[in-house]
PDB file of N, CA and C in Angstrom:
ATOM      1  N   UNK A   1     293.790 141.716 140.636  1.00  0.00           N
ATOM      2  CA  UNK A   1     294.833 140.934 141.283  1.00  0.00           C
ATOM      3  C   UNK A   1     295.938 141.892 141.730  1.00  0.00           C
ATOM      4  N   UNK A   2     296.383 141.737 142.959  1.00  0.00           N
ATOM      5  CA  UNK A   2     297.486 142.549 143.493  1.00  0.00           C
ATOM      6  C   UNK A   2     298.796 141.781 143.335  1.00  0.00           C
ATOM      7  N   UNK A   3     299.481 142.064 142.267  1.00  0.00           N
ATOM      8  CA  UNK A   3     300.706 141.348 141.926  1.00  0.00           C
ATOM      9  C   UNK A   3     301.769 141.523 143.010  1.00  0.00           C
ATOM     10  N   UNK A   4     301.938 142.738 143.511  1.00  0.00           N
ATOM     11  CA  UNK A   4     302.959 142.984 144.531  1.00  0.00           C
ATOM     12  C   UNK A   4     302.746 142.153 145.781  1.00  0.00           C
ATOM     13  N   UNK A   5     301.499 142.013 146.210  1.00  0.00           N
ATOM     14  CA  UNK A   5     301.204 141.202 147.394  1.00  0.00           C
ATOM     15  C   UNK A   5     301.478 139.723 147.110  1.00  0.00           C
ATOM     16  N   UNK A   6     301.118 139.262 145.922  1.00  0.00           N
ATOM     17  CA  UNK A   6     301.420 137.867 145.574  1.00  0.00           C
ATOM     18  C   UNK A   6     302.921 137.619 145.552  1.00  0.00           C
ATOM     19  N   UNK A   7     303.675 138.579 145.037  1.00  0.00           N
ATOM     20  CA  UNK A   7     305.138 138.430 145.014  1.00  0.00           C
ATOM     21  C   UNK A   7     305.688 138.387 146.444  1.00  0.00           C
ATOM     22  N   UNK A   8     305.130 139.204 147.334  1.00  0.00           N
ATOM     23  CA  UNK A   8     305.582 139.208 148.733  1.00  0.00           C
ATOM     24  C   UNK A   8     305.257 137.880 149.414  1.00  0.00           C
ATOM     25  N   UNK A   9     304.052 137.361 149.182  1.00  0.00           N
ATOM     26  CA  UNK A   9     303.686 136.050 149.734  1.00  0.00           C
ATOM     27  C   UNK A   9     304.639 134.987 149.193  1.00  0.00           C
ATOM     28  N   UNK A  10     304.948 135.067 147.916  1.00  0.00           N
ATOM     29  CA  UNK A  10     305.876 134.109 147.314  1.00  0.00           C
ATOM     30  C   UNK A  10     307.254 134.171 147.938  1.00  0.00           C
ATOM     31  N   UNK A  11     307.754 135.376 148.142  1.00  0.00           N
ATOM     32  CA  UNK A  11     309.085 135.524 148.745  1.00  0.00           C
ATOM     33  C   UNK A  11     309.098 134.973 150.167  1.00  0.00           C
ATOM     34  N   UNK A  12     308.080 135.319 150.947  1.00  0.00           N
ATOM     35  CA  UNK A  12     308.006 134.824 152.324  1.00  0.00           C
ATOM     36  C   UNK A  12     307.907 133.312 152.378  1.00  0.00           C
ATOM     37  N   UNK A  13     307.094 132.759 151.506  1.00  0.00           N
ATOM     38  CA  UNK A  13     306.921 131.310 151.447  1.00  0.00           C
ATOM     39  C   UNK A  13     308.220 130.610 151.058  1.00  0.00           C
ATOM     40  N   UNK A  14     308.876 131.120 150.032  1.00  0.00           N
ATOM     41  CA  UNK A  14     310.121 130.491 149.568  1.00  0.00           C
ATOM     42  C   UNK A  14     311.207 130.560 150.636  1.00  0.00           C
ATOM     43  N   UNK A  15     311.331 131.702 151.292  1.00  0.00           N
ATOM     44  CA  UNK A  15     312.357 131.841 152.329  1.00  0.00           C
ATOM     45  C   UNK A  15     312.075 130.933 153.520  1.00  0.00           C
ATOM     46  N   UNK A  16     310.815 130.878 153.948  1.00  0.00           N
ATOM     47  CA  UNK A  16     310.462 129.995 155.058  1.00  0.00           C
ATOM     48  C   UNK A  16     310.726 128.536 154.671  1.00  0.00           C
ATOM     49  N   UNK A  17     310.315 128.151 153.472  1.00  0.00           N
ATOM     50  CA  UNK A  17     310.551 126.785 153.018  1.00  0.00           C
ATOM     51  C   UNK A  17     312.025 126.434 152.989  1.00  0.00           C
ATOM     52  N   UNK A  18     312.837 127.359 152.517  1.00  0.00           N
ATOM     53  CA  UNK A  18     314.284 127.129 152.495  1.00  0.00           C
ATOM     54  C   UNK A  18     314.817 126.956 153.916  1.00  0.00           C
ATOM     55  N   UNK A  19     314.343 127.798 154.831  1.00  0.00           N
ATOM     56  CA  UNK A  19     314.764 127.680 156.227  1.00  0.00           C
ATOM     57  C   UNK A  19     314.398 126.335 156.827  1.00  0.00           C
ATOM     58  N   UNK A  20     313.180 125.865 156.564  1.00  0.00           N
ATOM     59  CA  UNK A  20     312.744 124.572 157.103  1.00  0.00           C
ATOM     60  C   UNK A  20     313.501 123.423 156.440  1.00  0.00           C
ATOM     61  N   UNK A  21     313.815 123.549 155.162  1.00  0.00           N
ATOM     62  CA  UNK A  21     314.588 122.496 154.489  1.00  0.00           C
ATOM     63  C   UNK A  21     315.958 122.337 155.140  1.00  0.00           C
ATOM     64  N   UNK A  22     316.558 123.449 155.529  1.00  0.00           N
ATOM     65  CA  UNK A  22     317.880 123.411 156.164  1.00  0.00           C
ATOM     66  C   UNK A  22     317.763 123.071 157.647  1.00  0.00           C
ATOM     67  N   UNK A  23     316.797 123.672 158.327  1.00  0.00           N
ATOM     68  CA  UNK A  23     316.584 123.480 159.773  1.00  0.00           C
ATOM     69  C   UNK A  23     315.143 123.051 160.017  1.00  0.00           C
ATOM     70  N   UNK A  24     314.810 121.766 159.869  1.00  0.00           N
ATOM     71  CA  UNK A  24     313.431 121.304 160.026  1.00  0.00           C
ATOM     72  C   UNK A  24     312.813 121.641 161.383  1.00  0.00           C
ATOM     73  N   UNK A  25     313.639 121.878 162.381  1.00  0.00           N
ATOM     74  CA  UNK A  25     313.120 122.258 163.691  1.00  0.00           C
ATOM     75  C   UNK A  25     312.327 123.556 163.668  1.00  0.00           C
ATOM     76  N   UNK A  26     312.557 124.411 162.664  1.00  0.00           N
ATOM     77  CA  UNK A  26     311.777 125.651 162.541  1.00  0.00           C
ATOM     78  C   UNK A  26     310.285 125.363 162.430  1.00  0.00           C
ATOM     79  N   UNK A  27     309.945 124.235 161.835  1.00  0.00           N
ATOM     80  CA  UNK A  27     308.550 123.815 161.738  1.00  0.00           C
ATOM     81  C   UNK A  27     308.208 122.781 162.804  1.00  0.00           C
ATOM     82  N   UNK A  28     309.136 121.895 163.103  1.00  0.00           N
ATOM     83  CA  UNK A  28     308.853 120.806 164.045  1.00  0.00           C
ATOM     84  C   UNK A  28     308.545 121.316 165.451  1.00  0.00           C
ATOM     85  N   UNK A  29     309.339 122.257 165.947  1.00  0.00           N
ATOM     86  CA  UNK A  29     309.143 122.727 167.325  1.00  0.00           C
ATOM     87  C   UNK A  29     307.777 123.385 167.531  1.00  0.00           C
ATOM     88  N   UNK A  30     307.394 124.385 166.749  1.00  0.00           N
ATOM     89  CA  UNK A  30     306.090 125.003 166.997  1.00  0.00           C
ATOM     90  C   UNK A  30     304.914 124.089 166.660  1.00  0.00           C
ATOM     91  N   UNK A  31     305.187 122.993 165.950  1.00  0.00           N
ATOM     92  CA  UNK A  31     304.124 122.049 165.601  1.00  0.00           C
ATOM     93  C   UNK A  31     303.993 120.922 166.621  1.00  0.00           C
ATOM     94  N   UNK A  32     304.866 120.903 167.621  1.00  0.00           N
ATOM     95  CA  UNK A  32     304.827 119.850 168.626  1.00  0.00           C
ATOM     96  C   UNK A  32     305.438 118.546 168.141  1.00  0.00           C
ATOM     97  N   UNK A  33     306.293 118.623 167.139  1.00  0.00           N
ATOM     98  CA  UNK A  33     306.907 117.422 166.571  1.00  0.00           C
ATOM     99  C   UNK A  33     308.344 117.217 167.037  1.00  0.00           C
ATOM    100  N   UNK A  34     308.783 117.990 168.003  1.00  0.00           N
ATOM    101  CA  UNK A  34     310.121 117.841 168.587  1.00  0.00           C
ATOM    102  C   UNK A  34     309.970 117.255 169.988  1.00  0.00           C
ATOM    103  N   UNK A  35     311.055 116.710 170.512  1.00  0.00           N
ATOM    104  CA  UNK A  35     310.995 116.155 171.866  1.00  0.00           C
ATOM    105  C   UNK A  35     311.055 117.277 172.908  1.00  0.00           C
ATOM    106  N   UNK A  36     311.043 116.896 174.176  1.00  0.00           N
ATOM    107  CA  UNK A  36     311.015 117.868 175.274  1.00  0.00           C
ATOM    108  C   UNK A  36     312.218 118.801 175.263  1.00  0.00           C
ATOM    109  N   UNK A  37     313.314 118.347 174.684  1.00  0.00           N
ATOM    110  CA  UNK A  37     314.534 119.156 174.631  1.00  0.00           C
ATOM    111  C   UNK A  37     314.654 119.935 173.321  1.00  0.00           C
ATOM    112  N   UNK A  38     313.599 119.889 172.502  1.00  0.00           N
ATOM    113  CA  UNK A  38     313.601 120.637 171.254  1.00  0.00           C
ATOM    114  C   UNK A  38     314.271 119.943 170.089  1.00  0.00           C
ATOM    115  N   UNK A  39     314.637 118.676 170.273  1.00  0.00           N
ATOM    116  CA  UNK A  39     315.293 117.934 169.189  1.00  0.00           C
ATOM    117  C   UNK A  39     314.238 117.312 168.274  1.00  0.00           C
ATOM    118  N   UNK A  40     314.565 117.259 167.007  1.00  0.00           N
ATOM    119  CA  UNK A  40     313.661 116.679 166.018  1.00  0.00           C
ATOM    120  C   UNK A  40     314.235 115.346 165.551  1.00  0.00           C
ATOM    121  N   UNK A  41     313.427 114.304 165.621  1.00  0.00           N
ATOM    122  CA  UNK A  41     313.870 112.967 165.200  1.00  0.00           C
ATOM    123  C   UNK A  41     314.226 112.971 163.717  1.00  0.00           C
ATOM    124  N   UNK A  42     315.154 112.105 163.352  1.00  0.00           N
ATOM    125  CA  UNK A  42     315.596 112.020 161.956  1.00  0.00           C
ATOM    126  C   UNK A  42     314.424 111.732 161.018  1.00  0.00           C
ATOM    127  N   UNK A  43     313.522 110.836 161.413  1.00  0.00           N
ATOM    128  CA  UNK A  43     312.371 110.512 160.562  1.00  0.00           C
ATOM    129  C   UNK A  43     311.484 111.741 160.349  1.00  0.00           C
ATOM    130  N   UNK A  44     311.326 112.542 161.382  1.00  0.00           N
ATOM    131  CA  UNK A  44     310.532 113.767 161.253  1.00  0.00           C
ATOM    132  C   UNK A  44     311.233 114.755 160.340  1.00  0.00           C
ATOM    133  N   UNK A  45     312.540 114.906 160.509  1.00  0.00           N
ATOM    134  CA  UNK A  45     313.299 115.807 159.624  1.00  0.00           C
ATOM    135  C   UNK A  45     313.166 115.360 158.172  1.00  0.00           C
ATOM    136  N   UNK A  46     313.271 114.044 157.952  1.00  0.00           N
ATOM    137  CA  UNK A  46     313.160 113.514 156.590  1.00  0.00           C
ATOM    138  C   UNK A  46     311.768 113.753 156.010  1.00  0.00           C
ATOM    139  N   UNK A  47     310.752 113.728 156.850  1.00  0.00           N
ATOM    140  CA  UNK A  47     309.379 113.962 156.385  1.00  0.00           C
ATOM    141  C   UNK A  47     309.097 115.434 156.116  1.00  0.00           C
ATOM    142  N   UNK A  48     309.713 116.315 156.883  1.00  0.00           N
ATOM    143  CA  UNK A  48     309.437 117.749 156.733  1.00  0.00           C
ATOM    144  C   UNK A  48     310.169 118.380 155.554  1.00  0.00           C
ATOM    145  N   UNK A  49     311.311 117.842 155.202  1.00  0.00           N
ATOM    146  CA  UNK A  49     312.100 118.469 154.123  1.00  0.00           C
ATOM    147  C   UNK A  49     311.368 118.502 152.780  1.00  0.00           C
ATOM    148  N   UNK A  50     310.706 117.431 152.347  1.00  0.00           N
ATOM    149  CA  UNK A  50     309.968 117.538 151.075  1.00  0.00           C
ATOM    150  C   UNK A  50     308.843 118.577 151.140  1.00  0.00           C
ATOM    151  N   UNK A  51     308.190 118.680 152.286  1.00  0.00           N
ATOM    152  CA  UNK A  51     307.157 119.713 152.438  1.00  0.00           C
ATOM    153  C   UNK A  51     307.772 121.099 152.331  1.00  0.00           C
ATOM    154  N   UNK A  52     308.945 121.246 152.907  1.00  0.00           N
ATOM    155  CA  UNK A  52     309.634 122.537 152.839  1.00  0.00           C
ATOM    156  C   UNK A  52     309.998 122.877 151.399  1.00  0.00           C
ATOM    157  N   UNK A  53     310.412 121.887 150.644  1.00  0.00           N
ATOM    158  CA  UNK A  53     310.760 122.137 149.243  1.00  0.00           C
ATOM    159  C   UNK A  53     309.524 122.479 148.417  1.00  0.00           C
ATOM    160  N   UNK A  54     308.369 121.944 148.801  1.00  0.00           N
ATOM    161  CA  UNK A  54     307.102 122.355 148.169  1.00  0.00           C
ATOM    162  C   UNK A  54     306.877 123.838 148.404  1.00  0.00           C
ATOM    163  N   UNK A  55     307.166 124.298 149.612  1.00  0.00           N
ATOM    164  CA  UNK A  55     307.021 125.722 149.929  1.00  0.00           C
ATOM    165  C   UNK A  55     307.958 126.566 149.075  1.00  0.00           C
ATOM    166  N   UNK A  56     309.189 126.108 148.931  1.00  0.00           N
ATOM    167  CA  UNK A  56     310.150 126.835 148.092  1.00  0.00           C
ATOM    168  C   UNK A  56     309.625 126.914 146.660  1.00  0.00           C
ATOM    169  N   UNK A  57     309.178 125.782 146.121  1.00  0.00           N
ATOM    170  CA  UNK A  57     308.706 125.749 144.732  1.00  0.00           C
ATOM    171  C   UNK A  57     307.488 126.641 144.522  1.00  0.00           C
ATOM    172  N   UNK A  58     306.519 126.565 145.434  1.00  0.00           N
ATOM    173  CA  UNK A  58     305.323 127.394 145.241  1.00  0.00           C
ATOM    174  C   UNK A  58     305.642 128.871 145.448  1.00  0.00           C
ATOM    175  N   UNK A  59     306.544 129.165 146.357  1.00  0.00           N
ATOM    176  CA  UNK A  59     306.956 130.552 146.559  1.00  0.00           C
ATOM    177  C   UNK A  59     307.672 131.112 145.348  1.00  0.00           C
ATOM    178  N   UNK A  60     308.563 130.309 144.768  1.00  0.00           N
ATOM    179  CA  UNK A  60     309.259 130.747 143.555  1.00  0.00           C
ATOM    180  C   UNK A  60     308.282 130.924 142.399  1.00  0.00           C
ATOM    181  N   UNK A  61     307.284 130.047 142.312  1.00  0.00           N
ATOM    182  CA  UNK A  61     306.281 130.194 141.258  1.00  0.00           C
ATOM    183  C   UNK A  61     305.543 131.521 141.399  1.00  0.00           C
ATOM    184  N   UNK A  62     305.168 131.884 142.619  1.00  0.00           N
ATOM    185  CA  UNK A  62     304.506 133.180 142.836  1.00  0.00           C
ATOM    186  C   UNK A  62     305.436 134.338 142.509  1.00  0.00           C
ATOM    187  N   UNK A  63     306.692 134.162 142.807  1.00  0.00           N
ATOM    188  CA  UNK A  63     307.642 135.238 142.567  1.00  0.00           C
ATOM    189  C   UNK A  63     308.041 135.411 141.117  1.00  0.00           C
ATOM    190  N   UNK A  64     308.003 134.328 140.352  1.00  0.00           N
ATOM    191  CA  UNK A  64     308.548 134.365 138.994  1.00  0.00           C
ATOM    192  C   UNK A  64     307.512 134.242 137.879  1.00  0.00           C
ATOM    193  N   UNK A  65     306.318 133.776 138.189  1.00  0.00           N
ATOM    194  CA  UNK A  65     305.305 133.598 137.140  1.00  0.00           C
ATOM    195  C   UNK A  65     304.954 134.942 136.515  1.00  0.00           C
ATOM    196  N   UNK A  66     304.799 134.962 135.196  1.00  0.00           N
ATOM    197  CA  UNK A  66     304.399 136.216 134.564  1.00  0.00           C
ATOM    198  C   UNK A  66     302.985 136.610 134.991  1.00  0.00           C
ATOM    199  N   UNK A  67     302.760 137.887 135.042  1.00  0.00           N
ATOM    200  CA  UNK A  67     301.446 138.423 135.404  1.00  0.00           C
ATOM    201  C   UNK A  67     300.404 137.863 134.440  1.00  0.00           C
ATOM    202  N   UNK A  68     299.267 137.472 134.969  1.00  0.00           N
ATOM    203  CA  UNK A  68     298.200 136.913 134.143  1.00  0.00           C
ATOM    204  C   UNK A  68     297.828 135.519 134.605  1.00  0.00           C
ATOM    205  N   UNK A  69     297.398 134.657 133.681  1.00  0.00           N
ATOM    206  CA  UNK A  69     296.925 133.325 134.064  1.00  0.00           C
ATOM    207  C   UNK A  69     297.963 132.478 134.803  1.00  0.00           C
ATOM    208  N   UNK A  70     299.226 132.580 134.426  1.00  0.00           N
ATOM    209  CA  UNK A  70     300.256 131.782 135.106  1.00  0.00           C
ATOM    210  C   UNK A  70     300.364 132.184 136.573  1.00  0.00           C
ATOM    211  N   UNK A  71     300.327 133.470 136.850  1.00  0.00           N
ATOM    212  CA  UNK A  71     300.399 133.937 138.237  1.00  0.00           C
ATOM    213  C   UNK A  71     299.133 133.550 138.992  1.00  0.00           C
ATOM    214  N   UNK A  72     297.990 133.639 138.332  1.00  0.00           N
ATOM    215  CA  UNK A  72     296.740 133.211 138.962  1.00  0.00           C
ATOM    216  C   UNK A  72     296.762 131.739 139.323  1.00  0.00           C
ATOM    217  N   UNK A  73     297.325 130.921 138.452  1.00  0.00           N
ATOM    218  CA  UNK A  73     297.437 129.485 138.719  1.00  0.00           C
ATOM    219  C   UNK A  73     298.391 129.220 139.879  1.00  0.00           C
ATOM    220  N   UNK A  74     299.519 129.912 139.903  1.00  0.00           N
ATOM    221  CA  UNK A  74     300.467 129.755 141.014  1.00  0.00           C
ATOM    222  C   UNK A  74     299.811 130.163 142.332  1.00  0.00           C
ATOM    223  N   UNK A  75     299.022 131.231 142.297  1.00  0.00           N
ATOM    224  CA  UNK A  75     298.341 131.690 143.513  1.00  0.00           C
ATOM    225  C   UNK A  75     297.282 130.683 143.954  1.00  0.00           C
ATOM    226  N   UNK A  76     296.562 130.101 143.005  1.00  0.00           N
ATOM    227  CA  UNK A  76     295.556 129.095 143.350  1.00  0.00           C
ATOM    228  C   UNK A  76     296.209 127.868 143.984  1.00  0.00           C
ATOM    229  N   UNK A  77     297.358 127.474 143.470  1.00  0.00           N
ATOM    230  CA  UNK A  77     298.104 126.359 144.057  1.00  0.00           C
ATOM    231  C   UNK A  77     298.524 126.686 145.490  1.00  0.00           C
ATOM    232  N   UNK A  78     299.034 127.889 145.699  1.00  0.00           N
ATOM    233  CA  UNK A  78     299.456 128.326 147.038  1.00  0.00           C
ATOM    234  C   UNK A  78     298.260 128.336 147.986  1.00  0.00           C
ATOM    235  N   UNK A  79     297.141 128.847 147.521  1.00  0.00           N
ATOM    236  CA  UNK A  79     295.926 128.902 148.328  1.00  0.00           C
ATOM    237  C   UNK A  79     295.473 127.490 148.704  1.00  0.00           C
ATOM    238  N   UNK A  80     295.459 126.582 147.744  1.00  0.00           N
ATOM    239  CA  UNK A  80     295.059 125.199 148.022  1.00  0.00           C
ATOM    240  C   UNK A  80     296.002 124.541 149.026  1.00  0.00           C
ATOM    241  N   UNK A  81     297.295 124.788 148.894  1.00  0.00           N
ATOM    242  CA  UNK A  81     298.264 124.206 149.830  1.00  0.00           C
ATOM    243  C   UNK A  81     298.026 124.723 151.244  1.00  0.00           C
ATOM    244  N   UNK A  82     297.799 126.027 151.384  1.00  0.00           N
ATOM    245  CA  UNK A  82     297.579 126.585 152.723  1.00  0.00           C
ATOM    246  C   UNK A  82     296.264 126.109 153.327  1.00  0.00           C
ATOM    247  N   UNK A  83     295.217 126.017 152.523  1.00  0.00           N
ATOM    248  CA  UNK A  83     293.947 125.505 153.045  1.00  0.00           C
ATOM    249  C   UNK A  83     294.077 124.029 153.420  1.00  0.00           C
ATOM    250  N   UNK A  84     294.815 123.270 152.629  1.00  0.00           N
ATOM    251  CA  UNK A  84     295.074 121.871 152.976  1.00  0.00           C
ATOM    252  C   UNK A  84     295.870 121.740 154.259  1.00  0.00           C
ATOM    253  N   UNK A  85     296.884 122.594 154.416  1.00  0.00           N
ATOM    254  CA  UNK A  85     297.661 122.593 155.662  1.00  0.00           C
ATOM    255  C   UNK A  85     296.763 122.895 156.856  1.00  0.00           C
ATOM    256  N   UNK A  86     295.897 123.892 156.711  1.00  0.00           N
ATOM    257  CA  UNK A  86     295.003 124.259 157.819  1.00  0.00           C
ATOM    258  C   UNK A  86     294.106 123.083 158.192  1.00  0.00           C
ATOM    259  N   UNK A  87     293.544 122.428 157.191  1.00  0.00           N
ATOM    260  CA  UNK A  87     292.638 121.311 157.454  1.00  0.00           C
ATOM    261  C   UNK A  87     293.364 120.114 158.065  1.00  0.00           C
ATOM    262  N   UNK A  88     294.489 119.743 157.483  1.00  0.00           N
ATOM    263  CA  UNK A  88     295.189 118.545 157.956  1.00  0.00           C
ATOM    264  C   UNK A  88     295.938 118.771 159.259  1.00  0.00           C
ATOM    265  N   UNK A  89     296.754 119.814 159.302  1.00  0.00           N
ATOM    266  CA  UNK A  89     297.514 120.075 160.528  1.00  0.00           C
ATOM    267  C   UNK A  89     296.586 120.489 161.666  1.00  0.00           C
ATOM    268  N   UNK A  90     295.515 121.174 161.323  1.00  0.00           N
ATOM    269  CA  UNK A  90     294.549 121.593 162.336  1.00  0.00           C
ATOM    270  C   UNK A  90     293.804 120.439 162.970  1.00  0.00           C
ATOM    271  N   UNK A  91     293.910 119.257 162.377  1.00  0.00           N
ATOM    272  CA  UNK A  91     293.246 118.077 162.936  1.00  0.00           C
ATOM    273  C   UNK A  91     294.209 117.005 163.421  1.00  0.00           C
ATOM    274  N   UNK A  92     295.468 117.056 162.992  1.00  0.00           N
ATOM    275  CA  UNK A  92     296.329 115.894 163.240  1.00  0.00           C
ATOM    276  C   UNK A  92     297.558 116.142 164.108  1.00  0.00           C
ATOM    277  N   UNK A  93     297.908 117.378 164.377  1.00  0.00           N
ATOM    278  CA  UNK A  93     299.095 117.606 165.216  1.00  0.00           C
ATOM    279  C   UNK A  93     298.835 117.110 166.633  1.00  0.00           C
ATOM    280  N   UNK A  94     299.900 116.860 167.400  1.00  0.00           N
ATOM    281  CA  UNK A  94     299.779 116.188 168.694  1.00  0.00           C
ATOM    282  C   UNK A  94     298.901 116.875 169.745  1.00  0.00           C
ATOM    283  N   UNK A  95     298.926 118.178 169.839  1.00  0.00           N
ATOM    284  CA  UNK A  95     298.215 118.854 170.929  1.00  0.00           C
ATOM    285  C   UNK A  95     297.281 119.929 170.373  1.00  0.00           C
ATOM    286  N   UNK A  96     296.191 120.208 171.086  1.00  0.00           N
ATOM    287  CA  UNK A  96     295.249 121.230 170.618  1.00  0.00           C
ATOM    288  C   UNK A  96     295.907 122.583 170.342  1.00  0.00           C
ATOM    289  N   UNK A  97     296.839 123.009 171.189  1.00  0.00           N
ATOM    290  CA  UNK A  97     297.464 124.320 170.959  1.00  0.00           C
ATOM    291  C   UNK A  97     298.286 124.323 169.679  1.00  0.00           C
ATOM    292  N   UNK A  98     298.917 123.199 169.367  1.00  0.00           N
ATOM    293  CA  UNK A  98     299.678 123.099 168.116  1.00  0.00           C
ATOM    294  C   UNK A  98     298.733 123.077 166.917  1.00  0.00           C
ATOM    295  N   UNK A  99     297.613 122.373 167.057  1.00  0.00           N
ATOM    296  CA  UNK A  99     296.631 122.321 165.970  1.00  0.00           C
ATOM    297  C   UNK A  99     296.060 123.704 165.700  1.00  0.00           C
ATOM    298  N   UNK A 100     295.700 124.421 166.767  1.00  0.00           N
ATOM    299  CA  UNK A 100     295.154 125.784 166.599  1.00  0.00           C
ATOM    300  C   UNK A 100     296.175 126.710 165.962  1.00  0.00           C
ATOM    301  N   UNK A 101     297.406 126.656 166.432  1.00  0.00           N
ATOM    302  CA  UNK A 101     298.450 127.541 165.895  1.00  0.00           C
ATOM    303  C   UNK A 101     298.699 127.255 164.418  1.00  0.00           C
ATOM    304  N   UNK A 102     298.805 125.991 164.057  1.00  0.00           N
ATOM    305  CA  UNK A 102     299.065 125.640 162.654  1.00  0.00           C
ATOM    306  C   UNK A 102     297.910 126.065 161.762  1.00  0.00           C
ATOM    307  N   UNK A 103     296.691 125.837 162.220  1.00  0.00           N
ATOM    308  CA  UNK A 103     295.532 126.240 161.421  1.00  0.00           C
ATOM    309  C   UNK A 103     295.481 127.756 161.272  1.00  0.00           C
ATOM    310  N   UNK A 104     295.768 128.472 162.341  1.00  0.00           N
ATOM    311  CA  UNK A 104     295.737 129.935 162.293  1.00  0.00           C
ATOM    312  C   UNK A 104     296.775 130.484 161.326  1.00  0.00           C
ATOM    313  N   UNK A 105     297.992 129.997 161.421  1.00  0.00           N
ATOM    314  CA  UNK A 105     299.058 130.477 160.523  1.00  0.00           C
ATOM    315  C   UNK A 105     298.729 130.128 159.075  1.00  0.00           C
ATOM    316  N   UNK A 106     298.277 128.911 158.839  1.00  0.00           N
ATOM    317  CA  UNK A 106     297.939 128.497 157.472  1.00  0.00           C
ATOM    318  C   UNK A 106     296.803 129.336 156.905  1.00  0.00           C
ATOM    319  N   UNK A 107     295.781 129.599 157.716  1.00  0.00           N
ATOM    320  CA  UNK A 107     294.658 130.418 157.249  1.00  0.00           C
ATOM    321  C   UNK A 107     295.065 131.871 157.034  1.00  0.00           C
ATOM    322  N   UNK A 108     296.016 132.353 157.812  1.00  0.00           N
ATOM    323  CA  UNK A 108     296.507 133.722 157.601  1.00  0.00           C
ATOM    324  C   UNK A 108     297.193 133.835 156.242  1.00  0.00           C
ATOM    325  N   UNK A 109     298.052 132.874 155.914  1.00  0.00           N
ATOM    326  CA  UNK A 109     298.711 132.887 154.602  1.00  0.00           C
ATOM    327  C   UNK A 109     297.687 132.722 153.487  1.00  0.00           C
ATOM    328  N   UNK A 110     296.720 131.834 153.677  1.00  0.00           N
ATOM    329  CA  UNK A 110     295.668 131.649 152.670  1.00  0.00           C
ATOM    330  C   UNK A 110     294.883 132.941 152.471  1.00  0.00           C
ATOM    331  N   UNK A 111     294.618 133.649 153.557  1.00  0.00           N
ATOM    332  CA  UNK A 111     293.873 134.913 153.468  1.00  0.00           C
ATOM    333  C   UNK A 111     294.643 135.965 152.685  1.00  0.00           C
ATOM    334  N   UNK A 112     295.947 136.045 152.915  1.00  0.00           N
ATOM    335  CA  UNK A 112     296.765 136.996 152.150  1.00  0.00           C
ATOM    336  C   UNK A 112     296.718 136.677 150.660  1.00  0.00           C
ATOM    337  N   UNK A 113     296.841 135.411 150.335  1.00  0.00           N
ATOM    338  CA  UNK A 113     296.812 135.011 148.926  1.00  0.00           C
ATOM    339  C   UNK A 113     295.442 135.280 148.317  1.00  0.00           C
ATOM    340  N   UNK A 114     294.378 134.931 149.043  1.00  0.00           N
ATOM    341  CA  UNK A 114     293.025 135.175 148.533  1.00  0.00           C
ATOM    342  C   UNK A 114     292.779 136.667 148.333  1.00  0.00           C
ATOM    343  N   UNK A 115     293.210 137.476 149.289  1.00  0.00           N
ATOM    344  CA  UNK A 115     293.037 138.925 149.153  1.00  0.00           C
ATOM    345  C   UNK A 115     293.776 139.437 147.924  1.00  0.00           C
ATOM    346  N   UNK A 116     294.989 138.966 147.720  1.00  0.00           N
ATOM    347  CA  UNK A 116     295.770 139.408 146.560  1.00  0.00           C
ATOM    348  C   UNK A 116     295.105 138.986 145.255  1.00  0.00           C
ATOM    349  N   UNK A 117     294.457 137.835 145.249  1.00  0.00           N
ATOM    350  CA  UNK A 117     293.758 137.382 144.048  1.00  0.00           C
ATOM    351  C   UNK A 117     292.488 138.188 143.790  1.00  0.00           C
ATOM    352  N   UNK A 118     291.773 138.518 144.850  1.00  0.00           N
ATOM    353  CA  UNK A 118     290.455 139.133 144.705  1.00  0.00           C
ATOM    354  C   UNK A 118     290.470 140.652 144.609  1.00  0.00           C
ATOM    355  N   UNK A 119     291.454 141.288 145.225  1.00  0.00           N
ATOM    356  CA  UNK A 119     291.498 142.752 145.175  1.00  0.00           C
ATOM    357  C   UNK A 119     291.850 143.214 143.767  1.00  0.00           C
ATOM    358  N   UNK A 120     291.212 144.285 143.325  1.00  0.00           N
ATOM    359  CA  UNK A 120     291.552 144.788 141.988  1.00  0.00           C
ATOM    360  C   UNK A 120     292.959 145.375 141.974  1.00  0.00           C
ATOM    361  N   UNK A 121     293.558 145.341 140.802  1.00  0.00           N
ATOM    362  CA  UNK A 121     294.876 145.960 140.638  1.00  0.00           C
ATOM    363  C   UNK A 121     294.755 147.446 140.927  1.00  0.00           C
ATOM    364  N   UNK A 122     295.818 148.019 141.428  1.00  0.00           N
ATOM    365  CA  UNK A 122     295.822 149.460 141.699  1.00  0.00           C
ATOM    366  C   UNK A 122     295.848 150.223 140.381  1.00  0.00           C
ATOM    367  N   UNK A 123     295.252 151.426 140.361  1.00  0.00           N
ATOM    368  CA  UNK A 123     295.286 152.235 139.140  1.00  0.00           C
ATOM    369  C   UNK A 123     296.723 152.546 138.729  1.00  0.00           C
ATOM    370  N   UNK A 124     296.919 152.760 137.457  1.00  0.00           N
ATOM    371  CA  UNK A 124     298.259 153.007 136.916  1.00  0.00           C
ATOM    372  C   UNK A 124     298.958 154.173 137.583  1.00  0.00           C
ATOM    373  N   UNK A 125     298.238 155.191 138.032  1.00  0.00           N
ATOM    374  CA  UNK A 125     298.856 156.351 138.671  1.00  0.00           C
ATOM    375  C   UNK A 125     299.208 156.119 140.123  1.00  0.00           C
ATOM    376  N   UNK A 126     298.706 155.028 140.731  1.00  0.00           N
ATOM    377  CA  UNK A 126     298.950 154.758 142.147  1.00  0.00           C
ATOM    378  C   UNK A 126     300.260 154.034 142.341  1.00  0.00           C
ATOM    379  N   UNK A 127     300.378 153.414 143.490  1.00  0.00           N
ATOM    380  CA  UNK A 127     301.595 152.654 143.796  1.00  0.00           C
ATOM    381  C   UNK A 127     301.762 151.545 142.771  1.00  0.00           C
ATOM    382  N   UNK A 128     302.970 151.285 142.416  1.00  0.00           N
ATOM    383  CA  UNK A 128     303.260 150.272 141.396  1.00  0.00           C
ATOM    384  C   UNK A 128     302.931 148.886 141.937  1.00  0.00           C
ATOM    385  N   UNK A 129     302.221 148.111 141.148  1.00  0.00           N
ATOM    386  CA  UNK A 129     301.841 146.750 141.525  1.00  0.00           C
ATOM    387  C   UNK A 129     302.565 145.839 140.608  1.00  0.00           C
TER     388      UNK A 129
END
């Protein structure tokens, strides 16, 4: 397991989630959930904020879980969330380009997490993990 990569994924996830919680348009616009002028409806903002807080929570779990089974569990949760996002958003967003983009981004994050889980830890003399 590459702990450093998992911590980086966690930090990126938590920061993005915090950004979306404050500014839901960060997710709404590239997902095709904003109007022609880039505005996000109140109902959409209300729906995206809990998802954003899920991102914050899972990111913090990756960042703070102790090395070992707890970190592995946090990573598995993150992986499941990203694969679920790819499957659901990849089928349900308004336009094909939005569906492709969401699936691609979600699968990229899932791939980083999977790689960090599957790659062996670096030797003690190498870069610190």
